[in-house]
Amino acid sequence: MSESDGQSTPQDTREVIMEATFRALSKHGYKDLRVRDIGEEMEMSRQVIHYHFDGKYDLISSFLEYIIDQYEGSVEVDDETDPRTELDVRIDRCLFGPEFDDFSHWDRMKVYHELYAYAQNDDEHRALFNEHYDRLRKSISTVIEDGVEQGTFRDVDAELMGQLITDVIHAARGRRIALGHEDAPDEAKRAVNDFILDSLYPPQ
């Protein structure tokens, strides 16, 4: 289905292109990826990619934002959720991911971390990853700050604690993907619970 038939919206088209990019990256990797490879992964004409994006680099930049949005927008808690439960929800989402109809959390993280590795030599993509890291760390730090203000948690450096938890998440995902240690996320969750989150409570 193309945009010209009047049934597809720009958002629909973008999602089709992004999901096709997932499939192409999973098959070919970033270094060998061509726009043509992405076009072969979708039913729309490849010309629609050129209409929306100025080449491979522009497409990959948008693709990174797409991945990040999927994770940042997928955590839902209500105002009645206590700080510890919200921390558990946010950490679980980062370590184990939301459910997807196509391509699992780890399929997506594999692509994410491949692009992450290339970002060290790419200022624009590195900026995107930095923004994502900062937002993730801030989302965790804010919950800790709320817990301190409510008297649930003891007085701690919430920013530093948020950074520690975020670094543990990144390390566990990297170990799972790069080294094939499938138990890394579960081990990280247990360690965060036992050595970080439990330490937030005042001594009895």
N, C-alpha and C. Protein backbone atom coordinates (compact mmCIF):
# COMPACT_ATOMS: atom_id res chain seq x y z
N MET A 1 0.85 -1.20 0.00
CA MET A 1 0.00 0.00 0.00
C MET A 1 0.88 1.24 0.00
N SER A 2 0.63 2.17 -0.87
CA SER A 2 1.43 3.38 -0.97
C SER A 2 0.64 4.57 -0.47
N GLU A 3 1.37 5.69 -0.23
CA GLU A 3 0.71 6.88 0.24
C GLU A 3 -0.25 7.44 -0.81
N SER A 4 0.02 7.16 -2.07
CA SER A 4 -0.79 7.74 -3.14
C SER A 4 -2.19 7.17 -3.18
N ASP A 5 -2.42 5.99 -2.53
CA ASP A 5 -3.76 5.42 -2.59
C ASP A 5 -4.69 6.04 -1.56
N GLY A 6 -4.17 6.95 -0.73
CA GLY A 6 -4.99 7.69 0.21
C GLY A 6 -5.33 6.93 1.47
N GLN A 7 -4.79 5.72 1.63
CA GLN A 7 -5.11 4.92 2.80
C GLN A 7 -4.00 4.91 3.83
N SER A 8 -2.84 5.34 3.47
CA SER A 8 -1.70 5.30 4.37
C SER A 8 -1.37 6.70 4.87
N THR A 9 -1.02 6.82 6.14
CA THR A 9 -0.63 8.11 6.70
C THR A 9 0.89 8.18 6.77
N PRO A 10 1.44 9.39 6.91
CA PRO A 10 2.90 9.51 7.06
C PRO A 10 3.44 8.68 8.23
N GLN A 11 2.66 8.62 9.33
CA GLN A 11 3.10 7.83 10.49
C GLN A 11 3.13 6.35 10.15
N ASP A 12 2.12 5.87 9.41
CA ASP A 12 2.11 4.47 8.98
C ASP A 12 3.33 4.17 8.11
N THR A 13 3.59 5.07 7.18
CA THR A 13 4.71 4.88 6.27
C THR A 13 6.02 4.85 7.02
N ARG A 14 6.17 5.76 7.97
CA ARG A 14 7.40 5.80 8.77
C ARG A 14 7.60 4.49 9.52
N GLU A 15 6.53 3.98 10.12
CA GLU A 15 6.67 2.74 10.88
C GLU A 15 7.04 1.57 9.97
N VAL A 16 6.45 1.52 8.79
CA VAL A 16 6.81 0.46 7.84
C VAL A 16 8.29 0.54 7.49
N ILE A 17 8.78 1.75 7.24
CA ILE A 17 10.20 1.91 6.89
C ILE A 17 11.09 1.54 8.07
N MET A 18 10.70 1.96 9.28
CA MET A 18 11.52 1.66 10.46
C MET A 18 11.60 0.17 10.72
N GLU A 19 10.47 -0.53 10.61
CA GLU A 19 10.48 -1.97 10.84
C GLU A 19 11.25 -2.70 9.73
N ALA A 20 11.18 -2.19 8.52
CA ALA A 20 11.98 -2.77 7.44
C ALA A 20 13.46 -2.55 7.71
N THR A 21 13.78 -1.42 8.31
CA THR A 21 15.18 -1.14 8.67
C THR A 21 15.66 -2.12 9.72
N PHE A 22 14.82 -2.46 10.68
CA PHE A 22 15.16 -3.49 11.66
C PHE A 22 15.54 -4.79 10.96
N ARG A 23 14.68 -5.21 10.06
CA ARG A 23 14.92 -6.49 9.39
C ARG A 23 16.21 -6.46 8.58
N ALA A 24 16.43 -5.36 7.88
CA ALA A 24 17.63 -5.25 7.04
C ALA A 24 18.91 -5.18 7.89
N LEU A 25 18.86 -4.42 8.98
CA LEU A 25 20.03 -4.34 9.87
C LEU A 25 20.33 -5.69 10.50
N SER A 26 19.30 -6.42 10.86
CA SER A 26 19.50 -7.73 11.46
C SER A 26 20.17 -8.70 10.49
N LYS A 27 19.87 -8.56 9.21
CA LYS A 27 20.45 -9.44 8.19
C LYS A 27 21.84 -9.00 7.75
N HIS A 28 22.02 -7.69 7.57
CA HIS A 28 23.23 -7.20 6.91
C HIS A 28 24.21 -6.47 7.84
N GLY A 29 23.73 -6.02 9.01
CA GLY A 29 24.59 -5.21 9.87
C GLY A 29 24.69 -3.79 9.35
N TYR A 30 25.14 -2.89 10.20
CA TYR A 30 25.18 -1.47 9.85
C TYR A 30 26.21 -1.17 8.74
N LYS A 31 27.37 -1.74 8.85
CA LYS A 31 28.46 -1.42 7.92
C LYS A 31 28.10 -1.74 6.48
N ASP A 32 27.45 -2.87 6.26
CA ASP A 32 27.13 -3.32 4.90
C ASP A 32 25.72 -2.96 4.45
N LEU A 33 25.00 -2.24 5.29
CA LEU A 33 23.61 -1.92 4.97
C LEU A 33 23.50 -0.93 3.81
N ARG A 34 22.57 -1.20 2.89
CA ARG A 34 22.26 -0.28 1.80
C ARG A 34 20.77 0.05 1.86
N VAL A 35 20.42 1.22 1.38
CA VAL A 35 19.01 1.59 1.32
C VAL A 35 18.23 0.55 0.52
N ARG A 36 18.87 0.04 -0.48
CA ARG A 36 18.24 -1.00 -1.30
C ARG A 36 17.86 -2.22 -0.48
N ASP A 37 18.68 -2.58 0.50
CA ASP A 37 18.38 -3.72 1.38
C ASP A 37 17.11 -3.46 2.19
N ILE A 38 16.95 -2.22 2.62
CA ILE A 38 15.75 -1.86 3.39
C ILE A 38 14.51 -1.94 2.49
N GLY A 39 14.66 -1.45 1.26
CA GLY A 39 13.56 -1.49 0.31
C GLY A 39 13.08 -2.90 0.05
N GLU A 40 14.00 -3.86 0.07
CA GLU A 40 13.64 -5.25 -0.18
C GLU A 40 12.87 -5.88 0.97
N GLU A 41 12.86 -5.20 2.13
CA GLU A 41 12.18 -5.73 3.30
C GLU A 41 10.76 -5.18 3.47
N MET A 42 10.27 -4.44 2.49
CA MET A 42 8.91 -3.91 2.61
C MET A 42 8.20 -3.96 1.27
N GLU A 43 6.88 -3.89 1.32
CA GLU A 43 6.08 -4.00 0.12
C GLU A 43 5.99 -2.67 -0.63
N MET A 44 6.20 -1.57 0.06
CA MET A 44 6.18 -0.27 -0.60
C MET A 44 7.37 -0.12 -1.55
N SER A 45 7.23 0.78 -2.48
CA SER A 45 8.33 1.07 -3.38
C SER A 45 9.51 1.67 -2.61
N ARG A 46 10.70 1.33 -3.03
CA ARG A 46 11.90 1.89 -2.39
C ARG A 46 11.94 3.40 -2.52
N GLN A 47 11.26 3.94 -3.49
CA GLN A 47 11.27 5.39 -3.69
C GLN A 47 10.67 6.14 -2.50
N VAL A 48 9.80 5.46 -1.76
CA VAL A 48 9.20 6.15 -0.61
C VAL A 48 10.26 6.45 0.45
N ILE A 49 11.31 5.63 0.52
CA ILE A 49 12.40 5.89 1.46
C ILE A 49 13.12 7.17 1.04
N HIS A 50 13.41 7.29 -0.24
CA HIS A 50 14.11 8.49 -0.74
C HIS A 50 13.24 9.74 -0.61
N TYR A 51 11.93 9.55 -0.62
CA TYR A 51 11.02 10.69 -0.46
C TYR A 51 11.09 11.23 0.96
N HIS A 52 11.22 10.33 1.94
CA HIS A 52 11.18 10.74 3.34
C HIS A 52 12.57 11.00 3.95
N PHE A 53 13.61 10.41 3.38
CA PHE A 53 14.94 10.50 4.00
C PHE A 53 16.01 10.86 2.97
N ASP A 54 16.96 11.65 3.42
CA ASP A 54 18.07 12.05 2.55
C ASP A 54 19.22 11.05 2.67
N GLY A 55 18.97 9.83 2.27
CA GLY A 55 20.01 8.82 2.25
C GLY A 55 20.07 7.98 3.51
N LYS A 56 21.03 7.07 3.51
CA LYS A 56 21.18 6.09 4.58
C LYS A 56 21.41 6.74 5.94
N TYR A 57 22.26 7.74 6.00
CA TYR A 57 22.61 8.34 7.30
C TYR A 57 21.39 8.99 7.94
N ASP A 58 20.65 9.73 7.18
CA ASP A 58 19.44 10.38 7.69
C ASP A 58 18.43 9.34 8.17
N LEU A 59 18.31 8.26 7.42
CA LEU A 59 17.40 7.19 7.80
C LEU A 59 17.82 6.54 9.11
N ILE A 60 19.11 6.24 9.26
CA ILE A 60 19.58 5.60 10.48
C ILE A 60 19.42 6.53 11.68
N SER A 61 19.62 7.82 11.50
CA SER A 61 19.40 8.77 12.59
C SER A 61 17.96 8.73 13.06
N SER A 62 17.02 8.70 12.12
CA SER A 62 15.61 8.60 12.48
C SER A 62 15.29 7.25 13.10
N PHE A 63 15.96 6.22 12.63
CA PHE A 63 15.76 4.88 13.16
C PHE A 63 16.18 4.81 14.63
N LEU A 64 17.29 5.45 14.97
CA LEU A 64 17.74 5.49 16.36
C LEU A 64 16.69 6.15 17.24
N GLU A 65 16.14 7.26 16.77
CA GLU A 65 15.11 7.95 17.53
C GLU A 65 13.87 7.05 17.69
N TYR A 66 13.58 6.29 16.67
CA TYR A 66 12.44 5.37 16.71
C TYR A 66 12.63 4.31 17.79
N ILE A 67 13.81 3.71 17.85
CA ILE A 67 14.10 2.70 18.87
C ILE A 67 13.97 3.30 20.26
N ILE A 68 14.59 4.46 20.44
CA ILE A 68 14.58 5.12 21.74
C ILE A 68 13.15 5.44 22.18
N ASP A 69 12.35 5.94 21.26
CA ASP A 69 10.96 6.28 21.58
C ASP A 69 10.16 5.05 22.00
N GLN A 70 10.46 3.91 21.40
CA GLN A 70 9.74 2.69 21.76
C GLN A 70 9.94 2.34 23.22
N TYR A 71 11.13 2.58 23.74
CA TYR A 71 11.43 2.22 25.11
C TYR A 71 11.03 3.32 26.10
N GLU A 72 11.29 4.55 25.71
CA GLU A 72 10.98 5.65 26.63
C GLU A 72 9.48 5.86 26.77
N GLY A 73 8.73 5.52 25.76
CA GLY A 73 7.29 5.72 25.82
C GLY A 73 6.52 4.52 26.28
N SER A 74 7.21 3.47 26.70
CA SER A 74 6.52 2.21 27.00
C SER A 74 6.36 1.94 28.49
N VAL A 75 6.78 2.87 29.35
CA VAL A 75 6.62 2.69 30.79
C VAL A 75 5.41 3.48 31.26
N GLU A 76 4.44 2.79 31.83
CA GLU A 76 3.23 3.45 32.30
C GLU A 76 3.02 3.12 33.77
N VAL A 77 2.96 4.15 34.61
CA VAL A 77 2.65 3.98 36.03
C VAL A 77 1.65 5.07 36.40
N ASP A 78 0.83 4.80 37.41
CA ASP A 78 -0.13 5.83 37.84
C ASP A 78 0.40 6.57 39.06
N ASP A 79 -0.32 7.58 39.47
CA ASP A 79 0.13 8.44 40.57
C ASP A 79 0.17 7.71 41.90
N GLU A 80 -0.51 6.58 41.99
CA GLU A 80 -0.55 5.84 43.25
C GLU A 80 0.59 4.83 43.38
N THR A 81 1.38 4.67 42.32
CA THR A 81 2.46 3.69 42.35
C THR A 81 3.55 4.15 43.30
N ASP A 82 3.98 3.28 44.22
CA ASP A 82 5.02 3.66 45.17
C ASP A 82 6.38 3.66 44.49
N PRO A 83 7.35 4.40 45.04
CA PRO A 83 8.66 4.57 44.37
C PRO A 83 9.37 3.25 44.07
N ARG A 84 9.36 2.32 44.99
CA ARG A 84 10.08 1.05 44.77
C ARG A 84 9.44 0.28 43.61
N THR A 85 8.13 0.23 43.57
CA THR A 85 7.45 -0.47 42.48
C THR A 85 7.75 0.20 41.14
N GLU A 86 7.76 1.54 41.11
CA GLU A 86 8.05 2.23 39.86
C GLU A 86 9.49 1.96 39.41
N LEU A 87 10.42 1.92 40.36
CA LEU A 87 11.81 1.59 40.00
C LEU A 87 11.87 0.19 39.40
N ASP A 88 11.16 -0.76 40.01
CA ASP A 88 11.15 -2.13 39.47
C ASP A 88 10.61 -2.15 38.04
N VAL A 89 9.53 -1.41 37.80
CA VAL A 89 8.93 -1.38 36.46
C VAL A 89 9.91 -0.80 35.45
N ARG A 90 10.55 0.31 35.80
CA ARG A 90 11.47 0.97 34.87
C ARG A 90 12.71 0.12 34.60
N ILE A 91 13.26 -0.49 35.63
CA ILE A 91 14.45 -1.32 35.46
C ILE A 91 14.12 -2.57 34.66
N ASP A 92 12.97 -3.20 34.97
CA ASP A 92 12.57 -4.39 34.21
C ASP A 92 12.38 -4.06 32.73
N ARG A 93 11.80 -2.90 32.45
CA ARG A 93 11.57 -2.53 31.05
C ARG A 93 12.89 -2.39 30.30
N CYS A 94 13.89 -1.82 30.97
CA CYS A 94 15.21 -1.65 30.33
C CYS A 94 15.94 -2.98 30.17
N LEU A 95 15.82 -3.86 31.15
CA LEU A 95 16.55 -5.12 31.10
C LEU A 95 15.85 -6.19 30.27
N PHE A 96 14.52 -6.21 30.32
CA PHE A 96 13.78 -7.29 29.67
C PHE A 96 12.89 -6.82 28.53
N GLY A 97 12.67 -5.50 28.45
CA GLY A 97 11.99 -4.92 27.31
C GLY A 97 10.49 -5.11 27.28
N PRO A 98 9.81 -4.29 26.48
CA PRO A 98 8.38 -4.49 26.22
C PRO A 98 8.19 -5.64 25.24
N GLU A 99 6.96 -6.07 25.06
CA GLU A 99 6.66 -7.11 24.08
C GLU A 99 6.40 -6.47 22.72
N PHE A 100 6.89 -7.11 21.68
CA PHE A 100 6.70 -6.61 20.32
C PHE A 100 6.06 -7.71 19.48
N ASP A 101 5.27 -7.30 18.49
CA ASP A 101 4.68 -8.27 17.58
C ASP A 101 5.73 -8.91 16.68
N ASP A 102 6.73 -8.13 16.34
CA ASP A 102 7.78 -8.60 15.43
C ASP A 102 9.13 -8.17 15.98
N PHE A 103 10.07 -9.07 16.03
CA PHE A 103 11.39 -8.82 16.57
C PHE A 103 11.32 -8.63 18.09
N SER A 104 11.97 -9.50 18.80
CA SER A 104 11.94 -9.47 20.26
C SER A 104 12.76 -8.30 20.80
N HIS A 105 12.66 -8.11 22.10
CA HIS A 105 13.48 -7.10 22.79
C HIS A 105 14.95 -7.29 22.46
N TRP A 106 15.43 -8.53 22.50
CA TRP A 106 16.87 -8.76 22.29
C TRP A 106 17.26 -8.63 20.82
N ASP A 107 16.34 -8.92 19.92
CA ASP A 107 16.60 -8.62 18.50
C ASP A 107 16.84 -7.12 18.33
N ARG A 108 16.02 -6.33 19.00
CA ARG A 108 16.11 -4.88 18.90
C ARG A 108 17.35 -4.35 19.61
N MET A 109 17.66 -4.93 20.76
CA MET A 109 18.85 -4.49 21.50
C MET A 109 20.14 -4.83 20.74
N LYS A 110 20.12 -5.94 20.01
CA LYS A 110 21.30 -6.30 19.22
C LYS A 110 21.60 -5.21 18.19
N VAL A 111 20.55 -4.75 17.51
CA VAL A 111 20.71 -3.68 16.53
C VAL A 111 21.11 -2.38 17.22
N TYR A 112 20.45 -2.08 18.33
CA TYR A 112 20.75 -0.86 19.09
C TYR A 112 22.21 -0.82 19.50
N HIS A 113 22.72 -1.92 20.03
CA HIS A 113 24.10 -1.93 20.52
C HIS A 113 25.13 -1.94 19.38
N GLU A 114 24.75 -2.45 18.24
CA GLU A 114 25.65 -2.35 17.09
C GLU A 114 25.82 -0.88 16.70
N LEU A 115 24.71 -0.16 16.63
CA LEU A 115 24.77 1.26 16.30
C LEU A 115 25.48 2.04 17.41
N TYR A 116 25.29 1.62 18.65
CA TYR A 116 25.95 2.23 19.80
C TYR A 116 27.47 2.15 19.66
N ALA A 117 27.95 0.99 19.19
CA ALA A 117 29.39 0.80 19.02
C ALA A 117 29.96 1.73 17.96
N TYR A 118 29.21 1.96 16.89
CA TYR A 118 29.68 2.85 15.83
C TYR A 118 29.61 4.32 16.23
N ALA A 119 28.81 4.63 17.24
CA ALA A 119 28.59 6.03 17.61
C ALA A 119 29.82 6.72 18.16
N GLN A 120 30.82 5.97 18.59
CA GLN A 120 32.03 6.58 19.14
C GLN A 120 32.74 7.45 18.09
N ASN A 121 32.50 7.18 16.82
CA ASN A 121 33.13 7.96 15.76
C ASN A 121 32.11 8.81 14.99
N ASP A 122 30.96 9.02 15.58
CA ASP A 122 29.90 9.75 14.90
C ASP A 122 29.27 10.73 15.89
N ASP A 123 29.56 12.01 15.74
CA ASP A 123 29.11 13.00 16.71
C ASP A 123 27.59 13.08 16.81
N GLU A 124 26.89 13.02 15.68
CA GLU A 124 25.43 13.15 15.71
C GLU A 124 24.78 11.96 16.40
N HIS A 125 25.20 10.76 16.05
CA HIS A 125 24.61 9.58 16.67
C HIS A 125 25.03 9.46 18.13
N ARG A 126 26.25 9.87 18.43
CA ARG A 126 26.68 9.84 19.83
C ARG A 126 25.83 10.80 20.66
N ALA A 127 25.46 11.92 20.09
CA ALA A 127 24.59 12.88 20.79
C ALA A 127 23.23 12.25 21.08
N LEU A 128 22.69 11.49 20.13
CA LEU A 128 21.41 10.82 20.34
C LEU A 128 21.49 9.81 21.48
N PHE A 129 22.57 9.03 21.50
CA PHE A 129 22.74 8.05 22.57
C PHE A 129 22.95 8.75 23.91
N ASN A 130 23.68 9.85 23.91
CA ASN A 130 23.87 10.61 25.15
C ASN A 130 22.56 11.13 25.70
N GLU A 131 21.71 11.65 24.80
CA GLU A 131 20.41 12.15 25.22
C GLU A 131 19.56 11.03 25.80
N HIS A 132 19.61 9.87 25.16
CA HIS A 132 18.84 8.73 25.67
C HIS A 132 19.36 8.31 27.04
N TYR A 133 20.67 8.22 27.18
CA TYR A 133 21.26 7.84 28.47
C TYR A 133 20.83 8.83 29.55
N ASP A 134 20.92 10.12 29.24
CA ASP A 134 20.56 11.14 30.23
C ASP A 134 19.09 11.05 30.62
N ARG A 135 18.21 10.79 29.64
CA ARG A 135 16.79 10.69 29.96
C ARG A 135 16.50 9.45 30.80
N LEU A 136 17.16 8.34 30.48
CA LEU A 136 16.97 7.13 31.26
C LEU A 136 17.46 7.34 32.69
N ARG A 137 18.67 7.89 32.82
CA ARG A 137 19.21 8.14 34.16
C ARG A 137 18.31 9.09 34.94
N LYS A 138 17.80 10.13 34.27
CA LYS A 138 16.94 11.10 34.93
C LYS A 138 15.64 10.46 35.37
N SER A 139 15.08 9.58 34.56
CA SER A 139 13.80 8.94 34.92
C SER A 139 13.96 8.10 36.18
N ILE A 140 15.11 7.47 36.34
CA ILE A 140 15.37 6.67 37.55
C ILE A 140 15.69 7.58 38.74
N SER A 141 16.52 8.60 38.51
CA SER A 141 16.89 9.52 39.58
C SER A 141 15.68 10.25 40.14
N THR A 142 14.76 10.62 39.27
CA THR A 142 13.56 11.34 39.71
C THR A 142 12.72 10.50 40.65
N VAL A 143 12.60 9.19 40.35
CA VAL A 143 11.83 8.31 41.23
C VAL A 143 12.52 8.21 42.60
N ILE A 144 13.84 8.12 42.60
CA ILE A 144 14.58 8.06 43.86
C ILE A 144 14.40 9.35 44.65
N GLU A 145 14.47 10.48 43.95
CA GLU A 145 14.25 11.78 44.61
C GLU A 145 12.86 11.83 45.24
N ASP A 146 11.86 11.35 44.51
CA ASP A 146 10.49 11.33 45.03
C ASP A 146 10.41 10.47 46.29
N GLY A 147 11.09 9.32 46.25
CA GLY A 147 11.08 8.43 47.40
C GLY A 147 11.74 9.05 48.62
N VAL A 148 12.80 9.82 48.39
CA VAL A 148 13.47 10.51 49.50
C VAL A 148 12.54 11.58 50.08
N GLU A 149 11.90 12.34 49.21
CA GLU A 149 11.00 13.41 49.66
C GLU A 149 9.81 12.85 50.43
N GLN A 150 9.34 11.66 50.03
CA GLN A 150 8.20 11.04 50.72
C GLN A 150 8.59 10.37 52.03
N GLY A 151 9.90 10.24 52.25
CA GLY A 151 10.37 9.56 53.45
C GLY A 151 10.45 8.06 53.30
N THR A 152 10.19 7.56 52.09
CA THR A 152 10.28 6.12 51.84
C THR A 152 11.74 5.69 51.79
N PHE A 153 12.57 6.49 51.13
CA PHE A 153 13.99 6.19 51.01
C PHE A 153 14.80 7.12 51.93
N ARG A 154 15.97 6.66 52.30
CA ARG A 154 16.87 7.51 53.07
C ARG A 154 17.45 8.59 52.16
N ASP A 155 18.10 9.56 52.74
CA ASP A 155 18.67 10.67 51.97
C ASP A 155 19.92 10.20 51.24
N VAL A 156 19.84 10.11 49.93
CA VAL A 156 20.97 9.64 49.11
C VAL A 156 21.18 10.63 47.96
N ASP A 157 22.31 10.49 47.28
CA ASP A 157 22.57 11.26 46.07
C ASP A 157 21.79 10.58 44.94
N ALA A 158 20.62 11.08 44.64
CA ALA A 158 19.73 10.43 43.67
C ALA A 158 20.34 10.39 42.27
N GLU A 159 21.05 11.46 41.89
CA GLU A 159 21.67 11.49 40.56
C GLU A 159 22.73 10.41 40.42
N LEU A 160 23.55 10.26 41.45
CA LEU A 160 24.61 9.26 41.40
C LEU A 160 24.03 7.85 41.44
N MET A 161 23.00 7.66 42.25
CA MET A 161 22.35 6.36 42.33
C MET A 161 21.68 6.01 41.00
N GLY A 162 21.05 6.98 40.38
CA GLY A 162 20.44 6.76 39.07
C GLY A 162 21.48 6.40 38.02
N GLN A 163 22.62 7.06 38.10
CA GLN A 163 23.70 6.76 37.15
C GLN A 163 24.21 5.34 37.35
N LEU A 164 24.38 4.93 38.61
CA LEU A 164 24.86 3.58 38.90
C LEU A 164 23.90 2.53 38.33
N ILE A 165 22.62 2.70 38.58
CA ILE A 165 21.63 1.74 38.08
C ILE A 165 21.63 1.70 36.55
N THR A 166 21.70 2.87 35.93
CA THR A 166 21.72 2.94 34.47
C THR A 166 22.95 2.25 33.90
N ASP A 167 24.10 2.42 34.56
CA ASP A 167 25.33 1.78 34.09
C ASP A 167 25.25 0.26 34.24
N VAL A 168 24.64 -0.21 35.31
CA VAL A 168 24.47 -1.66 35.48
C VAL A 168 23.58 -2.22 34.37
N ILE A 169 22.52 -1.50 34.04
CA ILE A 169 21.62 -1.93 32.95
C ILE A 169 22.38 -2.04 31.64
N HIS A 170 23.15 -1.01 31.30
CA HIS A 170 23.91 -1.01 30.04
C HIS A 170 24.93 -2.15 30.02
N ALA A 171 25.61 -2.35 31.14
CA ALA A 171 26.63 -3.41 31.19
C ALA A 171 26.00 -4.79 31.03
N ALA A 172 24.86 -5.00 31.68
CA ALA A 172 24.20 -6.31 31.59
C ALA A 172 23.71 -6.58 30.17
N ARG A 173 23.13 -5.56 29.53
CA ARG A 173 22.66 -5.75 28.16
C ARG A 173 23.84 -6.02 27.23
N GLY A 174 24.93 -5.28 27.42
CA GLY A 174 26.10 -5.49 26.59
C GLY A 174 26.68 -6.89 26.76
N ARG A 175 26.72 -7.39 28.01
CA ARG A 175 27.25 -8.73 28.27
C ARG A 175 26.35 -9.79 27.64
N ARG A 176 25.06 -9.58 27.72
CA ARG A 176 24.11 -10.52 27.11
C ARG A 176 24.29 -10.59 25.60
N ILE A 177 24.47 -9.42 24.97
CA ILE A 177 24.54 -9.36 23.51
C ILE A 177 25.93 -9.75 23.00
N ALA A 178 26.97 -9.16 23.57
CA ALA A 178 28.32 -9.37 23.04
C ALA A 178 28.91 -10.72 23.43
N LEU A 179 28.63 -11.18 24.64
CA LEU A 179 29.25 -12.41 25.13
C LEU A 179 28.30 -13.59 25.17
N GLY A 180 27.02 -13.34 24.91
CA GLY A 180 26.06 -14.45 24.89
C GLY A 180 25.68 -14.95 26.27
N HIS A 181 25.91 -14.15 27.30
CA HIS A 181 25.54 -14.55 28.66
C HIS A 181 24.05 -14.27 28.89
N GLU A 182 23.23 -15.27 28.60
CA GLU A 182 21.79 -15.05 28.63
C GLU A 182 21.25 -14.78 30.03
N ASP A 183 22.00 -15.15 31.06
CA ASP A 183 21.54 -14.90 32.42
C ASP A 183 21.94 -13.52 32.94
N ALA A 184 22.67 -12.74 32.14
CA ALA A 184 23.16 -11.44 32.59
C ALA A 184 22.05 -10.51 33.07
N PRO A 185 20.94 -10.36 32.34
CA PRO A 185 19.87 -9.47 32.82
C PRO A 185 19.28 -9.90 34.16
N ASP A 186 19.04 -11.22 34.32
CA ASP A 186 18.49 -11.70 35.59
C ASP A 186 19.48 -11.48 36.73
N GLU A 187 20.76 -11.73 36.46
CA GLU A 187 21.77 -11.52 37.50
C GLU A 187 21.86 -10.04 37.87
N ALA A 188 21.77 -9.18 36.85
CA ALA A 188 21.83 -7.74 37.11
C ALA A 188 20.64 -7.29 37.96
N LYS A 189 19.46 -7.82 37.64
CA LYS A 189 18.26 -7.45 38.41
C LYS A 189 18.40 -7.87 39.87
N ARG A 190 18.91 -9.08 40.11
CA ARG A 190 19.10 -9.53 41.49
C ARG A 190 20.11 -8.66 42.22
N ALA A 191 21.19 -8.31 41.54
CA ALA A 191 22.23 -7.47 42.16
C ALA A 191 21.70 -6.08 42.46
N VAL A 192 20.94 -5.51 41.52
CA VAL A 192 20.36 -4.18 41.75
C VAL A 192 19.40 -4.24 42.95
N ASN A 193 18.60 -5.28 43.03
CA ASN A 193 17.67 -5.41 44.16
C ASN A 193 18.41 -5.53 45.49
N ASP A 194 19.40 -6.44 45.53
CA ASP A 194 20.06 -6.77 46.80
C ASP A 194 21.05 -5.70 47.26
N PHE A 195 21.76 -5.10 46.30
CA PHE A 195 22.86 -4.22 46.70
C PHE A 195 22.60 -2.73 46.49
N ILE A 196 21.57 -2.42 45.70
CA ILE A 196 21.28 -1.00 45.44
C ILE A 196 19.92 -0.61 46.01
N LEU A 197 18.86 -1.23 45.52
CA LEU A 197 17.53 -0.80 45.92
C LEU A 197 17.27 -1.06 47.41
N ASP A 198 17.72 -2.21 47.91
CA ASP A 198 17.50 -2.47 49.34
C ASP A 198 18.25 -1.48 50.22
N SER A 199 19.36 -0.95 49.68
CA SER A 199 20.15 0.01 50.47
C SER A 199 19.48 1.38 50.56
N LEU A 200 18.42 1.60 49.78
CA LEU A 200 17.74 2.90 49.79
C LEU A 200 16.90 3.09 51.06
N TYR A 201 16.59 1.99 51.74
CA TYR A 201 15.71 2.11 52.90
C TYR A 201 16.52 2.47 54.16
N PRO A 202 15.96 3.30 55.02
CA PRO A 202 16.65 3.66 56.27
C PRO A 202 16.87 2.42 57.13
N PRO A 203 17.95 2.39 57.91
CA PRO A 203 18.20 1.25 58.80
C PRO A 203 17.05 1.09 59.80
N GLN A 204 16.72 -0.13 60.08
CA GLN A 204 15.64 -0.40 61.04
C GLN A 204 16.17 -0.34 62.48
